[in-house]
N, C-alpha and C. Protein backbone atom coordinates (compact mmCIF):
# COMPACT_ATOMS: atom_id res chain seq x y z
N MET A 1 95.78 108.58 108.13
CA MET A 1 95.72 108.50 106.69
C MET A 1 94.29 108.18 106.26
N LYS A 2 93.82 108.90 105.29
CA LYS A 2 92.48 108.66 104.76
C LYS A 2 92.56 107.55 103.71
N TYR A 3 91.68 106.57 103.82
CA TYR A 3 91.66 105.47 102.88
C TYR A 3 90.66 105.77 101.78
N VAL A 4 91.05 105.42 100.58
CA VAL A 4 90.24 105.68 99.40
C VAL A 4 89.58 104.39 98.96
N MET A 5 88.30 104.48 98.66
CA MET A 5 87.58 103.33 98.13
C MET A 5 87.98 103.17 96.67
N LEU A 6 88.45 101.99 96.31
CA LEU A 6 88.88 101.74 94.94
C LEU A 6 87.69 101.39 94.06
N ASN A 7 87.75 101.83 92.81
CA ASN A 7 86.73 101.40 91.87
C ASN A 7 87.11 100.01 91.34
N ALA A 8 86.29 99.42 90.52
CA ALA A 8 86.50 98.04 90.05
C ALA A 8 87.82 97.90 89.29
N ASP A 9 88.13 98.86 88.42
CA ASP A 9 89.38 98.79 87.66
C ASP A 9 90.60 98.90 88.56
N GLN A 10 90.55 99.79 89.53
CA GLN A 10 91.66 99.95 90.46
C GLN A 10 91.85 98.71 91.33
N THR A 11 90.75 98.11 91.73
CA THR A 11 90.81 96.87 92.52
C THR A 11 91.47 95.77 91.71
N THR A 12 91.11 95.65 90.45
CA THR A 12 91.71 94.65 89.57
C THR A 12 93.20 94.91 89.38
N GLU A 13 93.56 96.18 89.20
CA GLU A 13 94.97 96.54 89.02
C GLU A 13 95.79 96.24 90.28
N LEU A 14 95.24 96.55 91.44
CA LEU A 14 95.94 96.26 92.70
C LEU A 14 96.09 94.75 92.90
N ALA A 15 95.05 94.01 92.59
CA ALA A 15 95.12 92.54 92.70
C ALA A 15 96.20 92.00 91.77
N GLU A 16 96.35 92.58 90.60
CA GLU A 16 97.38 92.15 89.65
C GLU A 16 98.77 92.42 90.21
N LEU A 17 98.96 93.54 90.89
CA LEU A 17 100.26 93.82 91.51
C LEU A 17 100.60 92.76 92.56
N PHE A 18 99.62 92.42 93.39
CA PHE A 18 99.86 91.40 94.40
C PHE A 18 100.06 90.02 93.76
N ARG A 19 99.38 89.75 92.65
CA ARG A 19 99.57 88.48 91.95
C ARG A 19 101.01 88.39 91.43
N LEU A 20 101.49 89.48 90.86
CA LEU A 20 102.87 89.49 90.37
C LEU A 20 103.86 89.24 91.50
N LEU A 21 103.64 89.87 92.64
CA LEU A 21 104.53 89.69 93.78
C LEU A 21 104.33 88.34 94.46
N GLY A 22 103.24 87.65 94.14
CA GLY A 22 102.97 86.34 94.73
C GLY A 22 103.81 85.23 94.14
N GLU A 23 104.50 85.50 93.04
CA GLU A 23 105.39 84.50 92.45
C GLU A 23 106.74 84.65 93.17
N PRO A 24 107.22 83.59 93.82
CA PRO A 24 108.43 83.71 94.67
C PRO A 24 109.65 84.30 93.98
N ASN A 25 109.94 83.92 92.75
CA ASN A 25 111.13 84.46 92.09
C ASN A 25 110.99 85.95 91.81
N ARG A 26 109.80 86.39 91.42
CA ARG A 26 109.60 87.83 91.20
C ARG A 26 109.75 88.59 92.51
N LEU A 27 109.20 88.04 93.58
CA LEU A 27 109.34 88.69 94.88
C LEU A 27 110.81 88.75 95.30
N ARG A 28 111.55 87.69 95.05
CA ARG A 28 112.99 87.68 95.38
C ARG A 28 113.74 88.73 94.56
N ILE A 29 113.36 88.90 93.30
CA ILE A 29 114.01 89.90 92.45
C ILE A 29 113.75 91.29 93.00
N VAL A 30 112.50 91.59 93.31
CA VAL A 30 112.15 92.93 93.82
C VAL A 30 112.83 93.19 95.16
N THR A 31 112.78 92.23 96.07
CA THR A 31 113.38 92.46 97.38
C THR A 31 114.90 92.57 97.30
N SER A 32 115.51 91.90 96.34
CA SER A 32 116.97 92.03 96.19
C SER A 32 117.34 93.45 95.75
N CYS A 33 116.43 94.13 95.09
CA CYS A 33 116.69 95.50 94.64
C CYS A 33 116.46 96.54 95.75
N LEU A 34 116.00 96.10 96.91
CA LEU A 34 115.83 97.04 98.02
C LEU A 34 117.16 97.64 98.46
N GLU A 35 118.24 96.88 98.30
CA GLU A 35 119.56 97.34 98.72
C GLU A 35 120.15 98.38 97.78
N GLY A 36 119.65 98.43 96.56
CA GLY A 36 120.17 99.36 95.57
C GLY A 36 120.07 98.77 94.19
N PRO A 37 120.39 99.56 93.16
CA PRO A 37 120.28 99.10 91.78
C PRO A 37 121.16 97.89 91.50
N LEU A 38 120.61 96.96 90.73
CA LEU A 38 121.33 95.74 90.35
C LEU A 38 121.19 95.50 88.85
N SER A 39 122.25 94.98 88.25
CA SER A 39 122.18 94.58 86.84
C SER A 39 121.55 93.20 86.74
N VAL A 40 121.18 92.82 85.53
CA VAL A 40 120.61 91.49 85.31
C VAL A 40 121.61 90.42 85.76
N GLY A 41 122.88 90.62 85.43
CA GLY A 41 123.91 89.66 85.83
C GLY A 41 124.02 89.52 87.34
N GLU A 42 123.93 90.63 88.05
CA GLU A 42 124.00 90.58 89.52
C GLU A 42 122.78 89.88 90.10
N ILE A 43 121.61 90.12 89.51
CA ILE A 43 120.39 89.46 89.99
C ILE A 43 120.48 87.97 89.74
N THR A 44 120.91 87.56 88.55
CA THR A 44 121.00 86.13 88.25
C THR A 44 122.00 85.44 89.17
N ALA A 45 123.11 86.10 89.46
CA ALA A 45 124.13 85.50 90.34
C ALA A 45 123.63 85.39 91.78
N ARG A 46 123.02 86.45 92.28
CA ARG A 46 122.52 86.44 93.67
C ARG A 46 121.43 85.40 93.90
N LEU A 47 120.55 85.27 92.91
CA LEU A 47 119.38 84.42 93.09
C LEU A 47 119.50 83.05 92.42
N THR A 48 120.63 82.82 91.76
CA THR A 48 120.89 81.58 91.01
C THR A 48 119.69 81.21 90.12
N LEU A 49 119.33 82.18 89.28
CA LEU A 49 118.28 81.98 88.28
C LEU A 49 118.88 82.21 86.90
N SER A 50 118.26 81.66 85.88
CA SER A 50 118.77 81.85 84.52
C SER A 50 118.52 83.29 84.07
N GLN A 51 119.36 83.75 83.16
CA GLN A 51 119.21 85.12 82.66
C GLN A 51 117.87 85.29 81.94
N SER A 52 117.45 84.27 81.20
CA SER A 52 116.19 84.39 80.46
C SER A 52 115.00 84.49 81.43
N LEU A 53 115.04 83.72 82.52
CA LEU A 53 113.96 83.79 83.50
C LEU A 53 113.94 85.15 84.19
N VAL A 54 115.10 85.64 84.58
CA VAL A 54 115.19 86.95 85.23
C VAL A 54 114.70 88.04 84.28
N SER A 55 115.12 87.98 83.03
CA SER A 55 114.70 88.98 82.05
C SER A 55 113.19 88.98 81.86
N HIS A 56 112.60 87.79 81.82
CA HIS A 56 111.15 87.66 81.68
C HIS A 56 110.45 88.32 82.88
N HIS A 57 110.90 88.00 84.08
CA HIS A 57 110.30 88.58 85.29
C HIS A 57 110.50 90.10 85.34
N LEU A 58 111.68 90.56 84.96
CA LEU A 58 111.96 91.99 84.97
C LEU A 58 111.02 92.74 84.03
N ARG A 59 110.72 92.16 82.88
CA ARG A 59 109.81 92.80 81.94
C ARG A 59 108.44 93.00 82.58
N LEU A 60 107.94 91.95 83.27
CA LEU A 60 106.64 92.04 83.93
C LEU A 60 106.65 93.05 85.08
N LEU A 61 107.72 93.03 85.86
CA LEU A 61 107.83 93.92 87.02
C LEU A 61 107.96 95.38 86.59
N ARG A 62 108.66 95.62 85.49
CA ARG A 62 108.76 96.99 84.97
C ARG A 62 107.42 97.47 84.44
N ALA A 63 106.71 96.60 83.73
CA ALA A 63 105.41 96.97 83.18
C ALA A 63 104.42 97.34 84.29
N ALA A 64 104.57 96.69 85.45
CA ALA A 64 103.69 96.97 86.60
C ALA A 64 104.22 98.11 87.46
N ARG A 65 105.33 98.70 87.07
CA ARG A 65 105.98 99.80 87.80
C ARG A 65 106.43 99.38 89.20
N LEU A 66 106.76 98.11 89.36
CA LEU A 66 107.31 97.63 90.63
C LEU A 66 108.83 97.74 90.64
N LEU A 67 109.42 97.86 89.44
CA LEU A 67 110.85 98.12 89.27
C LEU A 67 111.01 99.13 88.14
N LYS A 68 112.12 99.84 88.17
CA LYS A 68 112.45 100.72 87.05
C LYS A 68 113.85 100.37 86.56
N ALA A 69 114.12 100.72 85.33
CA ALA A 69 115.42 100.44 84.73
C ALA A 69 116.15 101.76 84.47
N GLY A 70 117.45 101.74 84.70
CA GLY A 70 118.29 102.89 84.40
C GLY A 70 119.58 102.40 83.77
N ARG A 71 120.04 103.11 82.78
CA ARG A 71 121.23 102.69 82.04
C ARG A 71 122.46 103.42 82.57
N ARG A 72 123.53 102.65 82.75
CA ARG A 72 124.85 103.20 83.07
C ARG A 72 125.80 102.61 82.05
N GLY A 73 126.19 103.44 81.11
CA GLY A 73 127.02 102.92 80.02
C GLY A 73 126.21 101.92 79.22
N LYS A 74 126.76 100.72 79.07
CA LYS A 74 126.08 99.68 78.29
C LYS A 74 125.20 98.79 79.16
N GLN A 75 125.29 98.94 80.48
CA GLN A 75 124.52 98.07 81.37
C GLN A 75 123.24 98.73 81.85
N VAL A 76 122.22 97.89 82.05
CA VAL A 76 120.95 98.34 82.60
C VAL A 76 120.87 97.87 84.04
N PHE A 77 120.51 98.78 84.93
CA PHE A 77 120.36 98.47 86.34
C PHE A 77 118.91 98.64 86.74
N TYR A 78 118.44 97.74 87.59
CA TYR A 78 117.05 97.74 88.03
C TYR A 78 116.99 98.15 89.49
N SER A 79 115.98 98.97 89.80
CA SER A 79 115.85 99.47 91.17
C SER A 79 114.38 99.68 91.51
N ILE A 80 114.14 99.92 92.79
CA ILE A 80 112.80 100.21 93.28
C ILE A 80 112.43 101.61 92.77
N PRO A 81 111.25 101.78 92.18
CA PRO A 81 110.93 103.06 91.52
C PRO A 81 110.61 104.23 92.45
N ASP A 82 110.06 103.95 93.63
CA ASP A 82 109.69 105.06 94.50
C ASP A 82 109.48 104.57 95.94
N CYS A 83 109.23 105.53 96.82
CA CYS A 83 109.10 105.21 98.24
C CYS A 83 107.87 104.36 98.53
N HIS A 84 106.84 104.44 97.71
CA HIS A 84 105.63 103.65 97.96
C HIS A 84 105.92 102.16 97.89
N VAL A 85 106.61 101.75 96.84
CA VAL A 85 106.94 100.34 96.66
C VAL A 85 107.91 99.90 97.76
N ARG A 86 108.92 100.70 98.01
CA ARG A 86 109.93 100.38 99.05
C ARG A 86 109.27 100.23 100.41
N GLU A 87 108.42 101.17 100.80
CA GLU A 87 107.78 101.13 102.11
C GLU A 87 106.82 99.96 102.23
N MET A 88 106.08 99.67 101.17
CA MET A 88 105.14 98.54 101.20
C MET A 88 105.91 97.24 101.44
N LEU A 89 107.00 97.06 100.70
CA LEU A 89 107.79 95.83 100.84
C LEU A 89 108.45 95.75 102.22
N THR A 90 109.07 96.83 102.66
CA THR A 90 109.75 96.77 103.96
C THR A 90 108.74 96.60 105.09
N ASN A 91 107.57 97.22 104.97
CA ASN A 91 106.53 97.02 105.99
C ASN A 91 106.07 95.57 106.04
N MET A 92 105.88 94.96 104.90
CA MET A 92 105.44 93.56 104.87
C MET A 92 106.53 92.63 105.41
N ILE A 93 107.79 92.93 105.09
CA ILE A 93 108.90 92.11 105.61
C ILE A 93 108.96 92.25 107.14
N GLU A 94 108.84 93.48 107.64
CA GLU A 94 108.84 93.69 109.09
C GLU A 94 107.66 92.98 109.75
N HIS A 95 106.51 93.02 109.13
CA HIS A 95 105.33 92.33 109.66
C HIS A 95 105.58 90.82 109.73
N LEU A 96 106.22 90.29 108.71
CA LEU A 96 106.50 88.85 108.65
C LEU A 96 107.45 88.41 109.75
N ILE A 97 108.48 89.20 110.01
CA ILE A 97 109.52 88.76 110.95
C ILE A 97 109.28 89.19 112.39
N GLU A 98 108.28 90.06 112.63
CA GLU A 98 108.04 90.48 114.00
C GLU A 98 107.47 89.33 114.82
N PRO A 99 107.80 89.29 116.10
CA PRO A 99 107.23 88.24 116.96
C PRO A 99 105.72 88.43 117.05
N HIS A 100 105.02 87.33 117.10
CA HIS A 100 103.57 87.42 117.22
C HIS A 100 103.05 86.30 118.10
N GLU A 101 101.96 86.59 118.74
CA GLU A 101 101.33 85.58 119.59
C GLU A 101 100.42 84.71 118.74
N GLN A 102 100.33 83.47 119.13
CA GLN A 102 99.43 82.54 118.45
C GLN A 102 98.00 82.91 118.80
N ASP A 103 97.16 83.08 117.80
CA ASP A 103 95.74 83.34 118.04
C ASP A 103 95.09 82.08 118.59
N ASP A 104 94.21 82.28 119.54
CA ASP A 104 93.44 81.14 120.05
C ASP A 104 92.42 80.75 118.98
N ASP A 105 92.25 79.46 118.84
CA ASP A 105 91.22 78.99 117.92
C ASP A 105 89.86 79.20 118.58
N ILE A 106 88.94 79.69 117.81
CA ILE A 106 87.59 79.93 118.32
C ILE A 106 86.63 79.08 117.51
N ASP A 107 85.76 78.41 118.22
CA ASP A 107 84.72 77.62 117.57
C ASP A 107 83.79 78.59 116.85
N VAL A 108 83.69 78.44 115.54
CA VAL A 108 82.90 79.37 114.73
C VAL A 108 81.43 79.36 115.11
N GLU A 109 80.91 78.18 115.44
CA GLU A 109 79.48 78.08 115.76
C GLU A 109 79.14 78.67 117.12
N THR A 110 79.98 78.41 118.13
CA THR A 110 79.65 78.87 119.48
C THR A 110 80.34 80.17 119.85
N GLY A 111 81.46 80.50 119.16
CA GLY A 111 82.21 81.69 119.51
C GLY A 111 83.04 81.52 120.75
N VAL A 112 83.22 80.27 121.21
CA VAL A 112 83.92 79.99 122.44
C VAL A 112 85.27 79.36 122.12
N THR A 113 86.28 79.75 122.93
CA THR A 113 87.58 79.14 122.81
C THR A 113 87.55 77.78 123.47
N PRO A 114 87.93 76.73 122.72
CA PRO A 114 87.89 75.37 123.32
C PRO A 114 88.89 75.20 124.45
């Protein structure tokens, strides 16, 4: 994959996406939608958060295109908008839970492992 150098505005926008996902409740909301579309009521019940807090977070996540809304009858369901968001989240979750070796501490001044 070829990597693209981001301009200043794109770097700021990407940092904002990570900032949004850095809030634990917003991250929990997005990851709960990995399984499929959820209504506000289902999200509040699963995560034991107030409806007003969930609605506030959903507004921010939709504005950042990290979630999308779709209507079924009178209810609105929230889901992951595309494969990019889904793959980024699942890759990060897999990275987090994979076994890893402890890095040896290296003395910064000497470059030697104590």
